[in-house]
């Protein structure tokens, strides 16, 4: 369907090698990701090669992502500036990543620093027609302590967007990270959908038998990240909510997390997830019958 693409994440520094090998599997978008930095990356040359391959196929680059800590390190602010400044080379208007965090400081005590950093980045992005979306992974953090990211709890989101009330700031959401915190993702999606600019295609399996017997602080694992189609979420419901609210971004599969479809089964799982999400989206687009004047019958 034209307004919601289904794709996958690819490491930015390896995208020229990886994308040609998987492009024919049916992915409709690619999200280019960078861990900590995008130093020594030739944006212009890479964009030239990627665009030459993808544009004839009408496949898009949905986002450029930088996963670093700009609230702690000024150098990481420069990384955000770099991807904001170069996203247009890929005809991309979205950059995503972690907010960062002051290490082991409660989330509410990070907000002043978040405002200092992202008010300026939001202005920079706005001037270039770019949106910013924050990944909702806790990276092992809690409200009281952690590093990397404060954008993993809806109370934090309220504080963040109150502090920096820019329309081009939003969320890179997925059900998985909320489920492993035992949050029901569906009511959350309904409440926050207007702020969701990008969706990671990642699900979770929750073992409630373990939770009910041992709780969440014992030695037994109670949650696993899964590729869509293998977890507990009903993605037909998720996509229906997105459609009802005019979401026009991409759902890009975040692979390399599934405990079953990994290693030599990685792409088997991802392509299965791709086809599953396409079916949840409604399958292939089918044009409606037309009237004599060329307009379509909708009822």
Protein backbone atom coordinates (compact mmCIF):
# COMPACT_ATOMS: atom_id res chain seq x y z
CA UNK A 1 0.00 0.00 0.00
CA UNK A 2 1.36 3.36 -1.00
CA UNK A 3 0.93 5.17 2.31
CA UNK A 4 2.56 2.54 4.56
CA UNK A 5 5.72 0.84 3.37
CA UNK A 6 7.19 -2.33 4.85
CA UNK A 7 10.97 -2.52 4.95
CA UNK A 8 13.95 -3.35 7.12
CA UNK A 9 16.87 -1.80 8.98
CA UNK A 10 20.34 -1.93 7.43
CA UNK A 11 23.61 -0.77 8.94
CA UNK A 12 24.48 2.45 7.14
CA UNK A 13 28.18 1.75 6.80
CA UNK A 14 27.44 -1.62 5.15
CA UNK A 15 24.37 -0.66 3.14
CA UNK A 16 26.11 -0.63 -0.26
CA UNK A 17 27.12 -4.25 0.29
CA UNK A 18 23.90 -5.50 1.93
CA UNK A 19 21.04 -3.82 0.06
CA UNK A 20 21.85 -5.29 -3.38
CA UNK A 21 21.75 -8.78 -1.86
CA UNK A 22 18.31 -8.40 -0.24
CA UNK A 23 16.51 -5.82 -2.37
CA UNK A 24 14.71 -8.44 -4.45
CA UNK A 25 13.07 -10.05 -1.41
CA UNK A 26 10.30 -7.44 -1.57
CA UNK A 27 11.35 -4.81 0.95
CA UNK A 28 9.74 -1.46 0.13
CA UNK A 29 11.97 0.74 2.30
CA UNK A 30 15.29 0.70 4.10
CA UNK A 31 16.23 2.47 7.31
CA UNK A 32 19.96 3.22 7.48
CA UNK A 33 21.33 2.96 11.02
CA UNK A 34 24.57 4.10 12.62
CA UNK A 35 25.86 2.94 15.99
CA UNK A 36 27.46 5.79 17.97
CA UNK A 37 28.86 7.65 14.96
CA UNK A 38 28.76 8.15 11.22
CA UNK A 39 32.39 9.23 10.96
CA UNK A 40 34.29 8.31 7.80
CA UNK A 41 31.03 7.71 5.97
CA UNK A 42 30.73 9.19 2.50
CA UNK A 43 27.09 10.30 2.43
CA UNK A 44 27.21 11.71 -1.09
CA UNK A 45 28.83 8.70 -2.75
CA UNK A 46 26.70 6.22 -0.81
CA UNK A 47 23.50 8.10 -1.67
CA UNK A 48 24.48 8.08 -5.34
CA UNK A 49 24.89 4.29 -5.34
CA UNK A 50 21.84 3.56 -3.20
CA UNK A 51 19.55 5.89 -5.13
CA UNK A 52 20.63 4.40 -8.45
CA UNK A 53 19.60 0.97 -7.20
CA UNK A 54 16.39 1.86 -5.35
CA UNK A 55 14.72 4.66 -7.29
CA UNK A 56 13.97 2.59 -10.42
CA UNK A 57 12.29 0.09 -8.09
CA UNK A 58 10.37 2.85 -6.25
CA UNK A 59 11.96 1.78 -2.95
CA UNK A 60 12.65 4.50 -0.40
CA UNK A 61 15.12 5.28 2.35
CA UNK A 62 12.68 5.79 5.21
CA UNK A 63 15.07 7.19 7.81
CA UNK A 64 18.65 7.76 8.85
CA UNK A 65 19.30 6.79 12.45
CA UNK A 66 22.07 7.59 14.91
CA UNK A 67 22.22 5.70 18.19
CA UNK A 68 24.49 7.72 20.46
CA UNK A 69 24.33 9.85 23.63
CA UNK A 70 24.01 13.56 22.78
CA UNK A 71 22.92 14.52 26.30
CA UNK A 72 26.29 13.45 27.67
CA UNK A 73 28.74 13.97 24.81
CA UNK A 74 28.94 17.12 22.71
CA UNK A 75 30.57 15.07 19.95
CA UNK A 76 27.37 13.06 19.71
CA UNK A 77 25.42 16.25 19.06
CA UNK A 78 27.61 16.68 16.00
CA UNK A 79 26.62 13.19 14.86
CA UNK A 80 22.96 14.23 14.97
CA UNK A 81 23.77 17.41 13.06
CA UNK A 82 25.56 15.37 10.41
CA UNK A 83 22.67 13.03 9.63
CA UNK A 84 20.19 15.93 9.71
CA UNK A 85 22.31 17.79 7.18
CA UNK A 86 22.73 14.80 4.85
CA UNK A 87 19.32 13.09 4.95
CA UNK A 88 18.16 15.01 1.87
CA UNK A 89 20.76 13.20 -0.25
CA UNK A 90 18.63 10.06 0.12
CA UNK A 91 15.35 11.97 -0.45
CA UNK A 92 14.68 11.23 3.21
CA UNK A 93 12.93 13.61 5.61
CA UNK A 94 13.29 11.66 8.87
CA UNK A 95 16.18 11.11 11.27
CA UNK A 96 15.86 8.96 14.36
CA UNK A 97 17.81 7.72 17.35
CA UNK A 98 18.24 7.77 21.10
CA UNK A 99 17.76 10.98 23.05
CA UNK A 100 20.81 10.18 25.12
CA UNK A 101 20.89 10.43 28.91
CA UNK A 102 22.91 11.88 31.74
CA UNK A 103 24.27 8.68 33.18
CA UNK A 104 22.45 7.31 36.23
CA UNK A 105 20.40 10.48 36.65
CA UNK A 106 16.58 10.18 36.99
CA UNK A 107 14.69 10.94 33.79
CA UNK A 108 12.99 14.07 35.14
CA UNK A 109 16.42 15.53 35.98
CA UNK A 110 17.48 15.02 32.33
CA UNK A 111 14.78 17.24 30.86
CA UNK A 112 16.73 20.50 31.16
CA UNK A 113 19.58 18.96 29.18
CA UNK A 114 17.18 17.42 26.67
CA UNK A 115 15.72 20.89 26.11
CA UNK A 116 19.15 22.46 25.61
CA UNK A 117 20.20 19.87 23.03
CA UNK A 118 17.04 19.08 21.11
CA UNK A 119 15.55 22.57 20.92
CA UNK A 120 18.54 23.46 18.75
CA UNK A 121 18.48 20.19 16.80
CA UNK A 122 14.73 20.55 16.23
CA UNK A 123 15.28 24.05 14.81
CA UNK A 124 18.07 22.79 12.58
CA UNK A 125 15.93 19.92 11.34
CA UNK A 126 12.85 22.10 10.82
CA UNK A 127 14.82 24.50 8.64
CA UNK A 128 15.68 21.57 6.36
CA UNK A 129 12.22 19.98 6.30
CA UNK A 130 13.36 17.12 8.53
CA UNK A 131 11.46 15.35 11.31
CA UNK A 132 13.14 13.79 14.36
CA UNK A 133 11.81 10.61 15.98
CA UNK A 134 13.05 9.05 19.21
CA UNK A 135 13.52 5.28 19.57
CA UNK A 136 11.61 3.89 22.58
CA UNK A 137 14.19 1.35 23.78
CA UNK A 138 15.17 1.59 27.47
CA UNK A 139 18.67 0.14 26.85
CA UNK A 140 18.47 -1.48 30.28
CA UNK A 141 17.60 1.76 32.02
CA UNK A 142 14.83 2.61 34.47
CA UNK A 143 13.28 5.88 35.54
CA UNK A 144 15.93 6.34 38.22
CA UNK A 145 19.08 5.15 36.51
CA UNK A 146 20.66 4.21 33.18
CA UNK A 147 22.28 5.81 30.17
CA UNK A 148 21.66 6.13 26.42
CA UNK A 149 17.96 6.99 26.31
CA UNK A 150 15.19 8.66 28.32
CA UNK A 151 12.46 8.21 25.68
CA UNK A 152 11.18 4.82 26.83
CA UNK A 153 8.21 5.75 29.00
CA UNK A 154 5.04 7.75 28.21
CA UNK A 155 5.57 10.00 31.24
CA UNK A 156 8.99 10.86 29.83
CA UNK A 157 7.41 11.57 26.43
CA UNK A 158 4.99 14.03 28.00
CA UNK A 159 7.86 15.84 29.73
CA UNK A 160 10.04 15.84 26.61
CA UNK A 161 7.42 17.23 24.25
CA UNK A 162 6.30 19.81 26.81
CA UNK A 163 9.90 20.99 27.13
CA UNK A 164 10.51 21.09 23.36
CA UNK A 165 7.08 21.64 21.74
CA UNK A 166 8.16 21.33 18.12
CA UNK A 167 5.81 19.65 15.66
CA UNK A 168 8.75 17.93 13.96
CA UNK A 169 9.68 16.00 17.13
CA UNK A 170 8.04 12.61 17.55
CA UNK A 171 8.54 8.93 18.25
CA UNK A 172 10.09 5.91 16.58
CA UNK A 173 7.73 3.39 18.17
CA UNK A 174 7.47 -0.36 18.38
CA UNK A 175 5.29 -2.61 20.55
CA UNK A 176 8.20 -4.75 21.72
CA UNK A 177 9.87 -2.27 24.06
CA UNK A 178 6.58 -1.48 25.75
CA UNK A 179 5.58 -5.12 26.09
CA UNK A 180 8.80 -6.10 27.88
CA UNK A 181 7.92 -3.34 30.37
CA UNK A 182 4.49 -5.02 30.69
CA UNK A 183 2.73 -2.07 29.03
CA UNK A 184 -0.17 -2.89 26.73
CA UNK A 185 0.98 -1.36 23.42
CA UNK A 186 -2.46 -1.00 21.81
CA UNK A 187 -3.96 1.68 24.13
CA UNK A 188 -0.61 3.44 24.03
CA UNK A 189 -0.57 3.43 20.25
CA UNK A 190 -4.07 4.91 20.14
CA UNK A 191 -3.04 7.71 22.51
CA UNK A 192 0.30 8.56 20.92
CA UNK A 193 -0.27 7.77 17.23
CA UNK A 194 -0.20 11.44 16.19
CA UNK A 195 3.38 11.65 17.49
CA UNK A 196 4.58 8.44 15.83
CA UNK A 197 6.67 9.17 12.73
CA UNK A 198 8.31 5.76 12.24
CA UNK A 199 7.60 2.21 13.38
CA UNK A 200 10.16 -0.48 14.03
CA UNK A 201 8.85 -3.88 13.03
CA UNK A 202 9.74 -5.75 16.20
CA UNK A 203 7.47 -7.79 18.42
CA UNK A 204 7.78 -9.63 21.73
CA UNK A 205 6.73 -12.87 23.35
CA UNK A 206 5.79 -12.59 27.02
CA UNK A 207 5.71 -15.74 29.18
CA UNK A 208 2.99 -14.90 31.69
CA UNK A 209 3.35 -18.27 33.41
CA UNK A 210 6.87 -17.30 34.48
CA UNK A 211 5.74 -13.83 35.57
CA UNK A 212 2.86 -15.20 37.64
CA UNK A 213 5.09 -17.77 39.35
CA UNK A 214 8.46 -16.00 39.64
CA UNK A 215 7.79 -12.31 38.97
CA UNK A 216 10.04 -10.09 36.88
CA UNK A 217 13.07 -9.88 39.20
CA UNK A 218 13.95 -13.57 39.39
CA UNK A 219 16.54 -15.48 37.34
CA UNK A 220 14.07 -16.76 34.75
CA UNK A 221 13.65 -14.77 31.55
CA UNK A 222 10.06 -13.76 30.89
CA UNK A 223 10.25 -11.79 27.61
CA UNK A 224 11.87 -12.26 24.21
CA UNK A 225 12.17 -9.83 21.30
CA UNK A 226 10.64 -11.34 18.17
CA UNK A 227 10.33 -10.72 14.45
CA UNK A 228 6.74 -9.72 13.51
CA UNK A 229 4.60 -12.77 12.93
CA UNK A 230 6.34 -14.78 15.64
CA UNK A 231 5.39 -12.68 18.68
CA UNK A 232 2.25 -11.84 20.63
CA UNK A 233 1.11 -8.68 18.81
CA UNK A 234 -1.72 -8.53 16.32
CA UNK A 235 -0.19 -6.36 13.62
CA UNK A 236 -3.48 -6.17 11.74
CA UNK A 237 -4.78 -4.16 14.70
CA UNK A 238 -1.61 -2.06 14.86
CA UNK A 239 -1.74 -1.20 11.16
CA UNK A 240 -5.48 -0.52 11.34
CA UNK A 241 -4.87 2.05 14.10
CA UNK A 242 -2.08 3.61 12.06
CA UNK A 243 -4.35 3.81 9.00
CA UNK A 244 -7.25 5.28 10.98
CA UNK A 245 -4.91 8.11 11.98
CA UNK A 246 -3.42 8.75 8.51
CA UNK A 247 0.04 7.38 9.28
CA UNK A 248 2.11 7.50 6.10
CA UNK A 249 5.51 6.37 7.33
CA UNK A 250 7.27 3.03 7.13
CA UNK A 251 7.29 -0.06 9.26
CA UNK A 252 10.88 -1.28 9.08
CA UNK A 253 11.77 -4.66 10.53
CA UNK A 254 14.44 -4.51 13.23
CA UNK A 255 16.12 -7.84 12.81
CA UNK A 256 18.86 -9.72 14.65
CA UNK A 257 16.85 -10.05 17.87
CA UNK A 258 14.69 -13.14 17.41
CA UNK A 259 15.96 -16.08 19.53
CA UNK A 260 14.69 -18.64 17.00
CA UNK A 261 15.08 -17.01 13.57
CA UNK A 262 18.70 -15.99 13.93
CA UNK A 263 22.04 -16.92 12.43
CA UNK A 264 21.48 -18.71 9.14
CA UNK A 265 17.70 -18.26 9.62
CA UNK A 266 17.91 -14.46 9.95
CA UNK A 267 16.67 -13.56 6.47
CA UNK A 268 14.21 -16.45 6.51
CA UNK A 269 12.62 -14.83 9.55
CA UNK A 270 12.81 -11.31 8.16
CA UNK A 271 11.22 -12.20 4.82
CA UNK A 272 8.53 -14.15 6.65
CA UNK A 273 7.95 -11.05 8.79
CA UNK A 274 7.89 -8.88 5.68
CA UNK A 275 5.21 -11.00 4.03
CA UNK A 276 3.24 -11.22 7.27
CA UNK A 277 3.22 -7.43 7.68
CA UNK A 278 2.17 -6.97 4.06
CA UNK A 279 -0.77 -9.29 4.66
CA UNK A 280 -1.67 -7.43 7.87
CA UNK A 281 -1.60 -4.26 5.78
CA UNK A 282 -4.25 -5.77 3.50
CA UNK A 283 -2.18 -7.65 0.93
CA UNK A 284 -1.48 -6.28 -2.53
CA UNK A 285 -3.14 -3.05 -3.56
CA UNK A 286 -6.22 -3.68 -5.73
CA UNK A 287 -7.70 -0.75 -7.63
CA UNK A 288 -11.44 -0.10 -7.29
CA UNK A 289 -13.75 -0.24 -10.33
CA UNK A 290 -14.13 3.07 -12.18
CA UNK A 291 -17.12 5.07 -13.33
CA UNK A 292 -17.42 6.37 -16.87
CA UNK A 293 -16.08 9.77 -15.81
CA UNK A 294 -12.91 8.13 -14.49
CA UNK A 295 -13.76 8.47 -10.81
CA UNK A 296 -13.79 5.41 -8.58
CA UNK A 297 -16.57 3.54 -6.86
CA UNK A 298 -15.88 3.63 -3.13
CA UNK A 299 -19.23 2.35 -1.84
